[in-house]
Amino acid sequence: MKELETKILDIDLDEIRNKIKNLNLENVKCENQVNNLFDFPSKTLLAKKGYARVRFVEDLLNNKVTYYMTTKKMISQDKFKVMEEVEIEVSDGDEAIKLFESLGLELVGSVKKYRESYKYKNSLIEIDINDESFCPFPYIEVETSTEEELKEVVELLGYTMEDTSSKTIYDILNDKGITPKSPLGI
C-alpha cells in the first residue's frame, strides 16, 4: 500500500480538536503506542529512509491491546512523503520482535506516543503527542491516498500546503535543534 503523508506543525491542540468536533469527524483511534524500530546492523533500511517496526497499541476506545509488524520504505519526499507500507496484525508482540531478530534485525529505537485519529473520506487526521523526551510538541499527520484529498483535508483544518512538511519527524527535530532520544535518521 502506498500512502501520501504530510505533517502540520505548531498546532494549537484545543483549536484543532474544536475544528474536528465542529466538522463532526469520526474518532477512529485513541491509543497509546510503543513503536519498536528495527534495522540491520549495517543500517541498510534507515539509509534508504525505511525501517521495520513492531507496534504495541493500547486501544483506549475498545479497551484492548493489539500488535502490528510493519515495514516502511520511502518512495518520495517532494511535496509530501510517499511511503510504501506493508503491515500485518499479529497476536503476540514479543514473538514479532523475536521474528525480526531471527532475521538479523536489531532494535535501534523505541518511541512512545499518544495518538488520536479522525476519519475524513479516505483520509486519517492524526494528532500525535510523543513522549516529551523524544518530541516536545504535538503535531498533526494527514495520511491519504490522493493529492487532491490531502490538500482538501489540510485546507479543511485551516491550513495551506505551505504550512505542511514532508520531512520526517527526525528531520524536523534536527531543524529545530532538538536531539531526540532515539538515534534514528528516519
N, C-alpha and C. Protein backbone atom coordinates (compact mmCIF):
# COMPACT_ATOMS: atom_id res chain seq x y z
N MET A 1 0.84 -1.18 0.00
CA MET A 1 0.00 0.00 0.00
C MET A 1 0.88 1.24 0.00
N LYS A 2 0.53 2.22 -0.81
CA LYS A 2 1.23 3.49 -0.82
C LYS A 2 0.36 4.52 -0.13
N GLU A 3 0.98 5.34 0.70
CA GLU A 3 0.24 6.39 1.37
C GLU A 3 0.95 7.71 1.19
N LEU A 4 0.16 8.76 1.01
CA LEU A 4 0.69 10.12 0.99
C LEU A 4 0.57 10.64 2.40
N GLU A 5 1.59 11.32 2.85
CA GLU A 5 1.62 11.74 4.25
C GLU A 5 2.25 13.12 4.34
N THR A 6 1.67 13.96 5.18
CA THR A 6 2.27 15.26 5.46
C THR A 6 2.03 15.60 6.93
N LYS A 7 2.87 16.48 7.45
CA LYS A 7 2.74 16.90 8.84
C LYS A 7 2.40 18.38 8.90
N ILE A 8 1.62 18.74 9.92
CA ILE A 8 1.34 20.14 10.22
C ILE A 8 1.88 20.37 11.63
N LEU A 9 2.80 21.31 11.73
CA LEU A 9 3.47 21.58 13.00
C LEU A 9 2.87 22.83 13.65
N ASP A 10 3.37 23.17 14.80
CA ASP A 10 2.96 24.40 15.50
C ASP A 10 1.45 24.51 15.61
N ILE A 11 0.83 23.46 16.12
CA ILE A 11 -0.63 23.44 16.22
C ILE A 11 -1.07 23.83 17.63
N ASP A 12 -2.28 24.33 17.70
CA ASP A 12 -2.95 24.59 18.98
C ASP A 12 -3.92 23.42 19.17
N LEU A 13 -3.61 22.53 20.13
CA LEU A 13 -4.41 21.31 20.31
C LEU A 13 -5.89 21.60 20.52
N ASP A 14 -6.22 22.55 21.39
CA ASP A 14 -7.63 22.85 21.66
C ASP A 14 -8.34 23.35 20.40
N GLU A 15 -7.66 24.20 19.65
CA GLU A 15 -8.25 24.75 18.42
C GLU A 15 -8.50 23.64 17.40
N ILE A 16 -7.53 22.75 17.22
CA ILE A 16 -7.67 21.63 16.27
C ILE A 16 -8.79 20.70 16.70
N ARG A 17 -8.83 20.37 17.99
CA ARG A 17 -9.89 19.49 18.48
C ARG A 17 -11.27 20.13 18.29
N ASN A 18 -11.37 21.44 18.49
CA ASN A 18 -12.65 22.13 18.25
C ASN A 18 -13.05 22.09 16.79
N LYS A 19 -12.08 22.29 15.88
CA LYS A 19 -12.37 22.22 14.44
C LYS A 19 -12.87 20.83 14.07
N ILE A 20 -12.19 19.81 14.59
CA ILE A 20 -12.57 18.43 14.30
C ILE A 20 -13.97 18.13 14.85
N LYS A 21 -14.25 18.63 16.04
CA LYS A 21 -15.57 18.44 16.65
C LYS A 21 -16.65 19.13 15.81
N ASN A 22 -16.37 20.38 15.37
CA ASN A 22 -17.34 21.13 14.55
C ASN A 22 -17.57 20.48 13.19
N LEU A 23 -16.56 19.78 12.68
CA LEU A 23 -16.70 19.06 11.41
C LEU A 23 -17.40 17.72 11.60
N ASN A 24 -17.63 17.35 12.87
CA ASN A 24 -18.31 16.10 13.21
C ASN A 24 -17.60 14.88 12.62
N LEU A 25 -16.27 14.88 12.72
CA LEU A 25 -15.49 13.76 12.19
C LEU A 25 -15.48 12.62 13.18
N GLU A 26 -15.47 11.41 12.64
CA GLU A 26 -15.49 10.21 13.47
C GLU A 26 -14.13 9.96 14.11
N ASN A 27 -14.11 9.79 15.41
CA ASN A 27 -12.88 9.44 16.13
C ASN A 27 -12.68 7.93 15.97
N VAL A 28 -11.65 7.54 15.22
CA VAL A 28 -11.43 6.13 14.93
C VAL A 28 -10.28 5.53 15.73
N LYS A 29 -9.47 6.38 16.37
CA LYS A 29 -8.36 5.88 17.20
C LYS A 29 -8.14 6.82 18.37
N CYS A 30 -7.91 6.21 19.49
CA CYS A 30 -7.47 6.92 20.69
C CYS A 30 -6.59 5.88 21.39
N GLU A 31 -5.27 6.07 21.29
CA GLU A 31 -4.41 4.98 21.70
C GLU A 31 -3.06 5.45 22.23
N ASN A 32 -2.50 4.61 23.06
CA ASN A 32 -1.11 4.74 23.48
C ASN A 32 -0.33 3.73 22.65
N GLN A 33 0.80 4.16 22.13
CA GLN A 33 1.62 3.28 21.29
C GLN A 33 3.04 3.20 21.83
N VAL A 34 3.64 2.03 21.62
CA VAL A 34 5.08 1.87 21.74
C VAL A 34 5.54 1.35 20.39
N ASN A 35 6.37 2.13 19.72
CA ASN A 35 6.87 1.79 18.40
C ASN A 35 8.32 1.35 18.51
N ASN A 36 8.55 0.05 18.34
CA ASN A 36 9.89 -0.53 18.40
C ASN A 36 10.41 -0.63 16.97
N LEU A 37 11.49 0.10 16.70
CA LEU A 37 12.02 0.21 15.34
C LEU A 37 13.28 -0.61 15.18
N PHE A 38 13.34 -1.33 14.05
CA PHE A 38 14.41 -2.29 13.80
C PHE A 38 15.10 -2.01 12.48
N ASP A 39 16.37 -2.39 12.43
CA ASP A 39 17.15 -2.35 11.19
C ASP A 39 18.26 -3.38 11.31
N PHE A 40 18.92 -3.61 10.20
CA PHE A 40 20.08 -4.50 10.20
C PHE A 40 21.25 -3.76 10.84
N PRO A 41 22.26 -4.49 11.34
CA PRO A 41 23.42 -3.82 11.94
C PRO A 41 24.07 -2.80 11.00
N SER A 42 23.99 -3.03 9.71
CA SER A 42 24.57 -2.11 8.72
C SER A 42 23.70 -0.86 8.48
N LYS A 43 22.51 -0.85 9.09
CA LYS A 43 21.54 0.27 8.95
C LYS A 43 21.09 0.48 7.49
N THR A 44 20.97 -0.62 6.76
CA THR A 44 20.56 -0.56 5.36
C THR A 44 19.17 0.04 5.16
N LEU A 45 18.25 -0.33 6.03
CA LEU A 45 16.88 0.18 5.89
C LEU A 45 16.83 1.69 6.18
N LEU A 46 17.45 2.11 7.27
CA LEU A 46 17.46 3.53 7.64
C LEU A 46 18.16 4.38 6.59
N ALA A 47 19.20 3.83 5.97
CA ALA A 47 19.93 4.57 4.92
C ALA A 47 19.01 4.89 3.76
N LYS A 48 17.99 4.06 3.55
CA LYS A 48 17.02 4.30 2.48
C LYS A 48 15.73 4.91 3.01
N LYS A 49 15.80 5.50 4.23
CA LYS A 49 14.65 6.12 4.91
C LYS A 49 13.51 5.12 5.07
N GLY A 50 13.86 3.93 5.49
CA GLY A 50 12.88 2.90 5.77
C GLY A 50 13.18 2.27 7.12
N TYR A 51 12.34 1.34 7.51
CA TYR A 51 12.54 0.63 8.77
C TYR A 51 11.56 -0.51 8.89
N ALA A 52 11.82 -1.36 9.87
CA ALA A 52 10.87 -2.41 10.26
C ALA A 52 10.39 -2.01 11.66
N ARG A 53 9.13 -2.30 11.95
CA ARG A 53 8.58 -1.85 13.23
C ARG A 53 7.67 -2.92 13.83
N VAL A 54 7.73 -3.03 15.15
CA VAL A 54 6.72 -3.77 15.90
C VAL A 54 6.05 -2.74 16.80
N ARG A 55 4.75 -2.56 16.59
CA ARG A 55 3.98 -1.56 17.34
C ARG A 55 3.05 -2.26 18.33
N PHE A 56 3.12 -1.81 19.57
CA PHE A 56 2.20 -2.25 20.61
C PHE A 56 1.19 -1.13 20.76
N VAL A 57 -0.11 -1.45 20.63
CA VAL A 57 -1.16 -0.44 20.68
C VAL A 57 -2.14 -0.75 21.81
N GLU A 58 -2.25 0.20 22.73
CA GLU A 58 -3.27 0.13 23.77
C GLU A 58 -4.46 0.95 23.25
N ASP A 59 -5.47 0.27 22.74
CA ASP A 59 -6.65 0.90 22.14
C ASP A 59 -7.58 1.35 23.27
N LEU A 60 -7.64 2.67 23.49
CA LEU A 60 -8.43 3.21 24.59
C LEU A 60 -9.92 3.29 24.26
N LEU A 61 -10.27 3.25 22.97
CA LEU A 61 -11.68 3.27 22.56
C LEU A 61 -12.34 1.91 22.79
N ASN A 62 -11.58 0.84 22.54
CA ASN A 62 -12.13 -0.51 22.61
C ASN A 62 -11.57 -1.34 23.75
N ASN A 63 -10.74 -0.72 24.56
CA ASN A 63 -10.16 -1.38 25.74
C ASN A 63 -9.50 -2.72 25.39
N LYS A 64 -8.56 -2.67 24.43
CA LYS A 64 -7.83 -3.88 24.06
C LYS A 64 -6.42 -3.50 23.61
N VAL A 65 -5.56 -4.50 23.54
CA VAL A 65 -4.19 -4.30 23.08
C VAL A 65 -4.00 -5.10 21.80
N THR A 66 -3.39 -4.45 20.80
CA THR A 66 -3.09 -5.13 19.54
C THR A 66 -1.63 -4.90 19.19
N TYR A 67 -1.12 -5.73 18.29
CA TYR A 67 0.29 -5.68 17.89
C TYR A 67 0.36 -5.71 16.36
N TYR A 68 1.29 -4.95 15.82
CA TYR A 68 1.46 -4.89 14.37
C TYR A 68 2.93 -5.02 14.02
N MET A 69 3.19 -5.76 12.93
CA MET A 69 4.52 -5.81 12.32
C MET A 69 4.42 -5.02 11.03
N THR A 70 5.38 -4.14 10.81
CA THR A 70 5.31 -3.24 9.66
C THR A 70 6.69 -3.06 9.05
N THR A 71 6.72 -2.93 7.74
CA THR A 71 7.92 -2.43 7.07
C THR A 71 7.50 -1.19 6.30
N LYS A 72 8.37 -0.20 6.30
CA LYS A 72 8.12 1.05 5.57
C LYS A 72 9.35 1.40 4.76
N LYS A 73 9.08 1.93 3.58
CA LYS A 73 10.15 2.36 2.70
C LYS A 73 9.71 3.67 2.04
N MET A 74 10.58 4.69 2.11
CA MET A 74 10.23 5.96 1.49
C MET A 74 10.41 5.86 -0.02
N ILE A 75 9.39 6.31 -0.73
CA ILE A 75 9.44 6.32 -2.18
C ILE A 75 9.79 7.72 -2.67
N SER A 76 9.22 8.74 -2.01
CA SER A 76 9.44 10.12 -2.42
C SER A 76 9.26 11.03 -1.22
N GLN A 77 9.91 12.19 -1.27
CA GLN A 77 9.78 13.16 -0.18
C GLN A 77 9.71 14.57 -0.77
N ASP A 78 9.02 14.72 -1.89
CA ASP A 78 8.92 16.03 -2.52
C ASP A 78 7.89 16.89 -1.81
N LYS A 79 6.71 17.09 -2.44
CA LYS A 79 5.65 17.90 -1.83
C LYS A 79 5.14 17.27 -0.54
N PHE A 80 5.09 15.96 -0.51
CA PHE A 80 4.66 15.20 0.65
C PHE A 80 5.43 13.92 0.65
N LYS A 81 5.37 13.23 1.75
CA LYS A 81 6.11 11.98 1.89
C LYS A 81 5.25 10.85 1.31
N VAL A 82 5.85 10.06 0.44
CA VAL A 82 5.17 8.89 -0.12
C VAL A 82 5.90 7.66 0.41
N MET A 83 5.15 6.84 1.15
CA MET A 83 5.74 5.65 1.77
C MET A 83 5.07 4.40 1.23
N GLU A 84 5.88 3.36 1.03
CA GLU A 84 5.34 2.04 0.75
C GLU A 84 5.31 1.33 2.09
N GLU A 85 4.14 0.83 2.45
CA GLU A 85 3.96 0.22 3.76
C GLU A 85 3.35 -1.16 3.62
N VAL A 86 3.93 -2.10 4.35
CA VAL A 86 3.36 -3.44 4.46
C VAL A 86 3.16 -3.68 5.95
N GLU A 87 1.92 -3.98 6.34
CA GLU A 87 1.62 -4.14 7.76
C GLU A 87 0.67 -5.29 7.98
N ILE A 88 0.95 -6.05 9.04
CA ILE A 88 0.03 -7.13 9.43
C ILE A 88 -0.19 -7.05 10.94
N GLU A 89 -1.39 -7.43 11.34
CA GLU A 89 -1.67 -7.55 12.77
C GLU A 89 -1.18 -8.93 13.21
N VAL A 90 -0.52 -8.97 14.37
CA VAL A 90 -0.03 -10.24 14.91
C VAL A 90 -0.60 -10.44 16.30
N SER A 91 -0.59 -11.67 16.77
CA SER A 91 -1.21 -11.96 18.05
C SER A 91 -0.29 -11.75 19.25
N ASP A 92 1.04 -11.64 18.99
CA ASP A 92 1.98 -11.54 20.11
C ASP A 92 3.13 -10.62 19.72
N GLY A 93 3.22 -9.47 20.35
CA GLY A 93 4.26 -8.50 20.03
C GLY A 93 5.65 -8.99 20.34
N ASP A 94 5.81 -9.73 21.43
CA ASP A 94 7.13 -10.25 21.80
C ASP A 94 7.62 -11.26 20.77
N GLU A 95 6.72 -12.09 20.26
CA GLU A 95 7.10 -13.05 19.22
C GLU A 95 7.45 -12.33 17.92
N ALA A 96 6.76 -11.24 17.63
CA ALA A 96 7.06 -10.44 16.44
C ALA A 96 8.48 -9.89 16.53
N ILE A 97 8.85 -9.41 17.71
CA ILE A 97 10.21 -8.91 17.93
C ILE A 97 11.21 -10.04 17.70
N LYS A 98 10.93 -11.21 18.24
CA LYS A 98 11.83 -12.36 18.07
C LYS A 98 11.98 -12.72 16.58
N LEU A 99 10.90 -12.60 15.83
CA LEU A 99 10.95 -12.92 14.40
C LEU A 99 11.88 -11.94 13.68
N PHE A 100 11.74 -10.64 13.93
CA PHE A 100 12.66 -9.67 13.32
C PHE A 100 14.11 -9.96 13.73
N GLU A 101 14.31 -10.26 15.01
CA GLU A 101 15.67 -10.55 15.48
C GLU A 101 16.23 -11.81 14.83
N SER A 102 15.37 -12.80 14.59
CA SER A 102 15.84 -14.03 13.95
C SER A 102 16.27 -13.79 12.51
N LEU A 103 15.78 -12.71 11.92
CA LEU A 103 16.16 -12.34 10.55
C LEU A 103 17.42 -11.47 10.53
N GLY A 104 17.96 -11.20 11.71
CA GLY A 104 19.19 -10.41 11.79
C GLY A 104 18.96 -8.93 12.06
N LEU A 105 17.73 -8.53 12.28
CA LEU A 105 17.46 -7.13 12.60
C LEU A 105 17.69 -6.90 14.08
N GLU A 106 18.02 -5.67 14.44
CA GLU A 106 18.22 -5.31 15.84
C GLU A 106 17.41 -4.06 16.17
N LEU A 107 17.03 -3.96 17.42
CA LEU A 107 16.27 -2.80 17.90
C LEU A 107 17.17 -1.58 17.85
N VAL A 108 16.71 -0.53 17.15
CA VAL A 108 17.50 0.70 17.05
C VAL A 108 16.84 1.86 17.79
N GLY A 109 15.61 1.67 18.22
CA GLY A 109 14.94 2.73 18.96
C GLY A 109 13.54 2.32 19.32
N SER A 110 13.04 2.97 20.36
CA SER A 110 11.68 2.72 20.81
C SER A 110 11.06 4.08 21.14
N VAL A 111 9.91 4.36 20.57
CA VAL A 111 9.27 5.66 20.74
C VAL A 111 7.85 5.45 21.26
N LYS A 112 7.53 6.17 22.35
CA LYS A 112 6.18 6.12 22.92
C LYS A 112 5.41 7.35 22.49
N LYS A 113 4.12 7.14 22.16
CA LYS A 113 3.29 8.28 21.80
C LYS A 113 1.82 8.00 22.12
N TYR A 114 1.08 9.10 22.25
CA TYR A 114 -0.38 9.05 22.32
C TYR A 114 -0.87 9.54 20.97
N ARG A 115 -1.87 8.85 20.41
CA ARG A 115 -2.40 9.24 19.10
C ARG A 115 -3.92 9.20 19.14
N GLU A 116 -4.51 10.25 18.61
CA GLU A 116 -5.95 10.20 18.34
C GLU A 116 -6.14 10.49 16.86
N SER A 117 -7.02 9.72 16.22
CA SER A 117 -7.20 9.80 14.77
C SER A 117 -8.66 9.98 14.42
N TYR A 118 -8.87 10.76 13.37
CA TYR A 118 -10.21 11.07 12.90
C TYR A 118 -10.29 10.78 11.41
N LYS A 119 -11.44 10.28 11.00
CA LYS A 119 -11.65 9.88 9.60
C LYS A 119 -12.35 10.99 8.85
N TYR A 120 -11.81 11.32 7.68
CA TYR A 120 -12.46 12.23 6.74
C TYR A 120 -12.34 11.60 5.36
N LYS A 121 -13.47 11.21 4.77
CA LYS A 121 -13.49 10.50 3.49
C LYS A 121 -12.52 9.32 3.57
N ASN A 122 -11.44 9.35 2.72
CA ASN A 122 -10.46 8.25 2.71
C ASN A 122 -9.17 8.64 3.43
N SER A 123 -9.26 9.65 4.28
CA SER A 123 -8.07 10.17 4.95
C SER A 123 -8.15 9.98 6.45
N LEU A 124 -6.97 9.97 7.07
CA LEU A 124 -6.85 9.98 8.51
C LEU A 124 -6.18 11.29 8.93
N ILE A 125 -6.76 11.93 9.92
CA ILE A 125 -6.17 13.10 10.55
C ILE A 125 -5.71 12.62 11.92
N GLU A 126 -4.40 12.59 12.12
CA GLU A 126 -3.86 12.00 13.34
C GLU A 126 -3.13 13.07 14.16
N ILE A 127 -3.56 13.19 15.40
CA ILE A 127 -2.88 14.08 16.34
C ILE A 127 -1.91 13.22 17.13
N ASP A 128 -0.63 13.55 17.03
CA ASP A 128 0.41 12.79 17.72
C ASP A 128 0.99 13.62 18.85
N ILE A 129 1.03 13.00 20.03
CA ILE A 129 1.68 13.61 21.19
C ILE A 129 2.69 12.58 21.68
N ASN A 130 3.96 12.83 21.36
CA ASN A 130 5.04 11.91 21.70
C ASN A 130 5.52 12.12 23.12
N ASP A 131 6.22 11.13 23.63
CA ASP A 131 6.92 11.29 24.90
C ASP A 131 7.80 12.54 24.74
N GLU A 132 7.72 13.44 25.71
CA GLU A 132 8.42 14.73 25.58
C GLU A 132 9.93 14.60 25.45
N SER A 133 10.51 13.51 25.96
CA SER A 133 11.95 13.33 25.83
C SER A 133 12.33 13.05 24.37
N PHE A 134 11.35 12.66 23.57
CA PHE A 134 11.60 12.41 22.15
C PHE A 134 11.22 13.63 21.31
N CYS A 135 9.98 14.10 21.46
CA CYS A 135 9.48 15.23 20.68
C CYS A 135 8.60 16.08 21.59
N PRO A 136 9.04 17.29 21.92
CA PRO A 136 8.35 18.09 22.93
C PRO A 136 7.12 18.87 22.46
N PHE A 137 6.64 18.62 21.26
CA PHE A 137 5.47 19.36 20.77
C PHE A 137 4.53 18.41 20.02
N PRO A 138 3.22 18.69 20.08
CA PRO A 138 2.26 17.88 19.32
C PRO A 138 2.24 18.33 17.85
N TYR A 139 1.78 17.45 16.99
CA TYR A 139 1.64 17.79 15.58
C TYR A 139 0.54 16.94 14.97
N ILE A 140 0.14 17.32 13.78
CA ILE A 140 -0.87 16.56 13.03
C ILE A 140 -0.17 15.85 11.88
N GLU A 141 -0.59 14.64 11.63
CA GLU A 141 -0.15 13.91 10.46
C GLU A 141 -1.40 13.59 9.65
N VAL A 142 -1.39 13.93 8.38
CA VAL A 142 -2.51 13.62 7.49
C VAL A 142 -2.04 12.51 6.57
N GLU A 143 -2.81 11.42 6.53
CA GLU A 143 -2.49 10.29 5.65
C GLU A 143 -3.67 10.04 4.72
N THR A 144 -3.37 9.90 3.45
CA THR A 144 -4.42 9.65 2.46
C THR A 144 -3.81 8.99 1.24
N SER A 145 -4.64 8.77 0.22
CA SER A 145 -4.12 8.10 -0.97
C SER A 145 -4.09 9.00 -2.20
N THR A 146 -4.70 10.22 -2.13
CA THR A 146 -4.66 11.11 -3.29
C THR A 146 -4.21 12.52 -2.88
N GLU A 147 -3.52 13.17 -3.79
CA GLU A 147 -3.03 14.52 -3.56
C GLU A 147 -4.19 15.50 -3.36
N GLU A 148 -5.27 15.31 -4.12
CA GLU A 148 -6.42 16.21 -4.03
C GLU A 148 -7.04 16.17 -2.62
N GLU A 149 -7.22 14.96 -2.10
CA GLU A 149 -7.83 14.83 -0.78
C GLU A 149 -6.88 15.33 0.32
N LEU A 150 -5.59 15.15 0.13
CA LEU A 150 -4.62 15.65 1.09
C LEU A 150 -4.76 17.17 1.21
N LYS A 151 -4.80 17.84 0.08
CA LYS A 151 -4.94 19.30 0.06
C LYS A 151 -6.28 19.71 0.69
N GLU A 152 -7.34 18.98 0.37
CA GLU A 152 -8.67 19.28 0.92
C GLU A 152 -8.68 19.19 2.45
N VAL A 153 -8.05 18.16 3.00
CA VAL A 153 -8.01 17.98 4.45
C VAL A 153 -7.21 19.10 5.10
N VAL A 154 -6.06 19.42 4.53
CA VAL A 154 -5.21 20.49 5.08
C VAL A 154 -6.00 21.80 5.13
N GLU A 155 -6.70 22.13 4.05
CA GLU A 155 -7.47 23.37 4.00
C GLU A 155 -8.67 23.32 4.94
N LEU A 156 -9.29 22.16 5.07
CA LEU A 156 -10.42 21.98 5.99
C LEU A 156 -10.01 22.29 7.44
N LEU A 157 -8.75 21.99 7.76
CA LEU A 157 -8.23 22.24 9.10
C LEU A 157 -7.75 23.69 9.28
N GLY A 158 -7.85 24.49 8.20
CA GLY A 158 -7.47 25.90 8.30
C GLY A 158 -6.03 26.20 7.93
N TYR A 159 -5.39 25.31 7.22
CA TYR A 159 -4.00 25.49 6.82
C TYR A 159 -3.89 25.48 5.31
N THR A 160 -2.69 25.78 4.81
CA THR A 160 -2.39 25.66 3.39
C THR A 160 -1.29 24.62 3.24
N MET A 161 -1.03 24.20 2.03
CA MET A 161 0.04 23.23 1.80
C MET A 161 1.40 23.81 2.18
N GLU A 162 1.52 25.13 2.18
CA GLU A 162 2.77 25.78 2.60
C GLU A 162 3.01 25.60 4.11
N ASP A 163 1.94 25.30 4.86
CA ASP A 163 2.05 25.07 6.30
C ASP A 163 2.45 23.63 6.63
N THR A 164 2.61 22.80 5.62
CA THR A 164 2.87 21.37 5.84
C THR A 164 4.34 21.05 5.60
N SER A 165 4.72 19.86 6.06
CA SER A 165 6.08 19.40 5.84
C SER A 165 6.07 17.92 5.45
N SER A 166 6.88 17.60 4.46
CA SER A 166 7.05 16.20 4.07
C SER A 166 8.23 15.57 4.79
N LYS A 167 8.88 16.35 5.64
CA LYS A 167 10.06 15.84 6.35
C LYS A 167 9.65 14.81 7.39
N THR A 168 10.59 13.95 7.71
CA THR A 168 10.37 13.00 8.80
C THR A 168 10.41 13.78 10.11
N ILE A 169 9.87 13.20 11.16
CA ILE A 169 9.91 13.87 12.46
C ILE A 169 11.35 14.07 12.92
N TYR A 170 12.25 13.16 12.53
CA TYR A 170 13.66 13.28 12.90
C TYR A 170 14.30 14.48 12.19
N ASP A 171 13.97 14.70 10.92
CA ASP A 171 14.48 15.87 10.19
C ASP A 171 13.93 17.16 10.80
N ILE A 172 12.66 17.15 11.18
CA ILE A 172 12.03 18.33 11.79
C ILE A 172 12.70 18.65 13.12
N LEU A 173 12.90 17.63 13.95
CA LEU A 173 13.56 17.84 15.24
C LEU A 173 14.98 18.39 15.03
N ASN A 174 15.67 17.84 14.06
CA ASN A 174 17.03 18.30 13.75
C ASN A 174 17.00 19.78 13.34
N ASP A 175 16.05 20.16 12.49
CA ASP A 175 15.91 21.56 12.05
C ASP A 175 15.67 22.49 13.22
N LYS A 176 14.96 21.99 14.24
CA LYS A 176 14.65 22.80 15.42
C LYS A 176 15.75 22.74 16.48
N GLY A 177 16.83 22.01 16.17
CA GLY A 177 17.94 21.91 17.12
C GLY A 177 17.66 20.98 18.28
N ILE A 178 16.71 20.06 18.10
CA ILE A 178 16.35 19.11 19.14
C ILE A 178 16.97 17.76 18.81
N THR A 179 17.70 17.20 19.74
CA THR A 179 18.26 15.87 19.55
C THR A 179 17.35 14.86 20.21
N PRO A 180 16.64 14.05 19.41
CA PRO A 180 15.73 13.07 20.01
C PRO A 180 16.48 11.98 20.73
N LYS A 181 15.79 11.39 21.70
CA LYS A 181 16.36 10.29 22.48
C LYS A 181 16.73 9.11 21.57
N SER A 182 15.93 8.87 20.53
CA SER A 182 16.16 7.74 19.63
C SER A 182 17.19 8.12 18.55
N PRO A 183 18.11 7.23 18.20
CA PRO A 183 19.18 7.56 17.24
C PRO A 183 18.78 7.39 15.78
N LEU A 184 17.51 7.34 15.47
CA LEU A 184 17.09 7.04 14.10
C LEU A 184 17.22 8.25 13.19
N GLY A 185 17.45 7.98 11.94
CA GLY A 185 17.51 9.05 10.95
C GLY A 185 16.33 9.02 10.01
N ILE A 186 15.19 8.52 10.50
CA ILE A 186 14.02 8.39 9.61
C ILE A 186 13.09 9.58 9.76
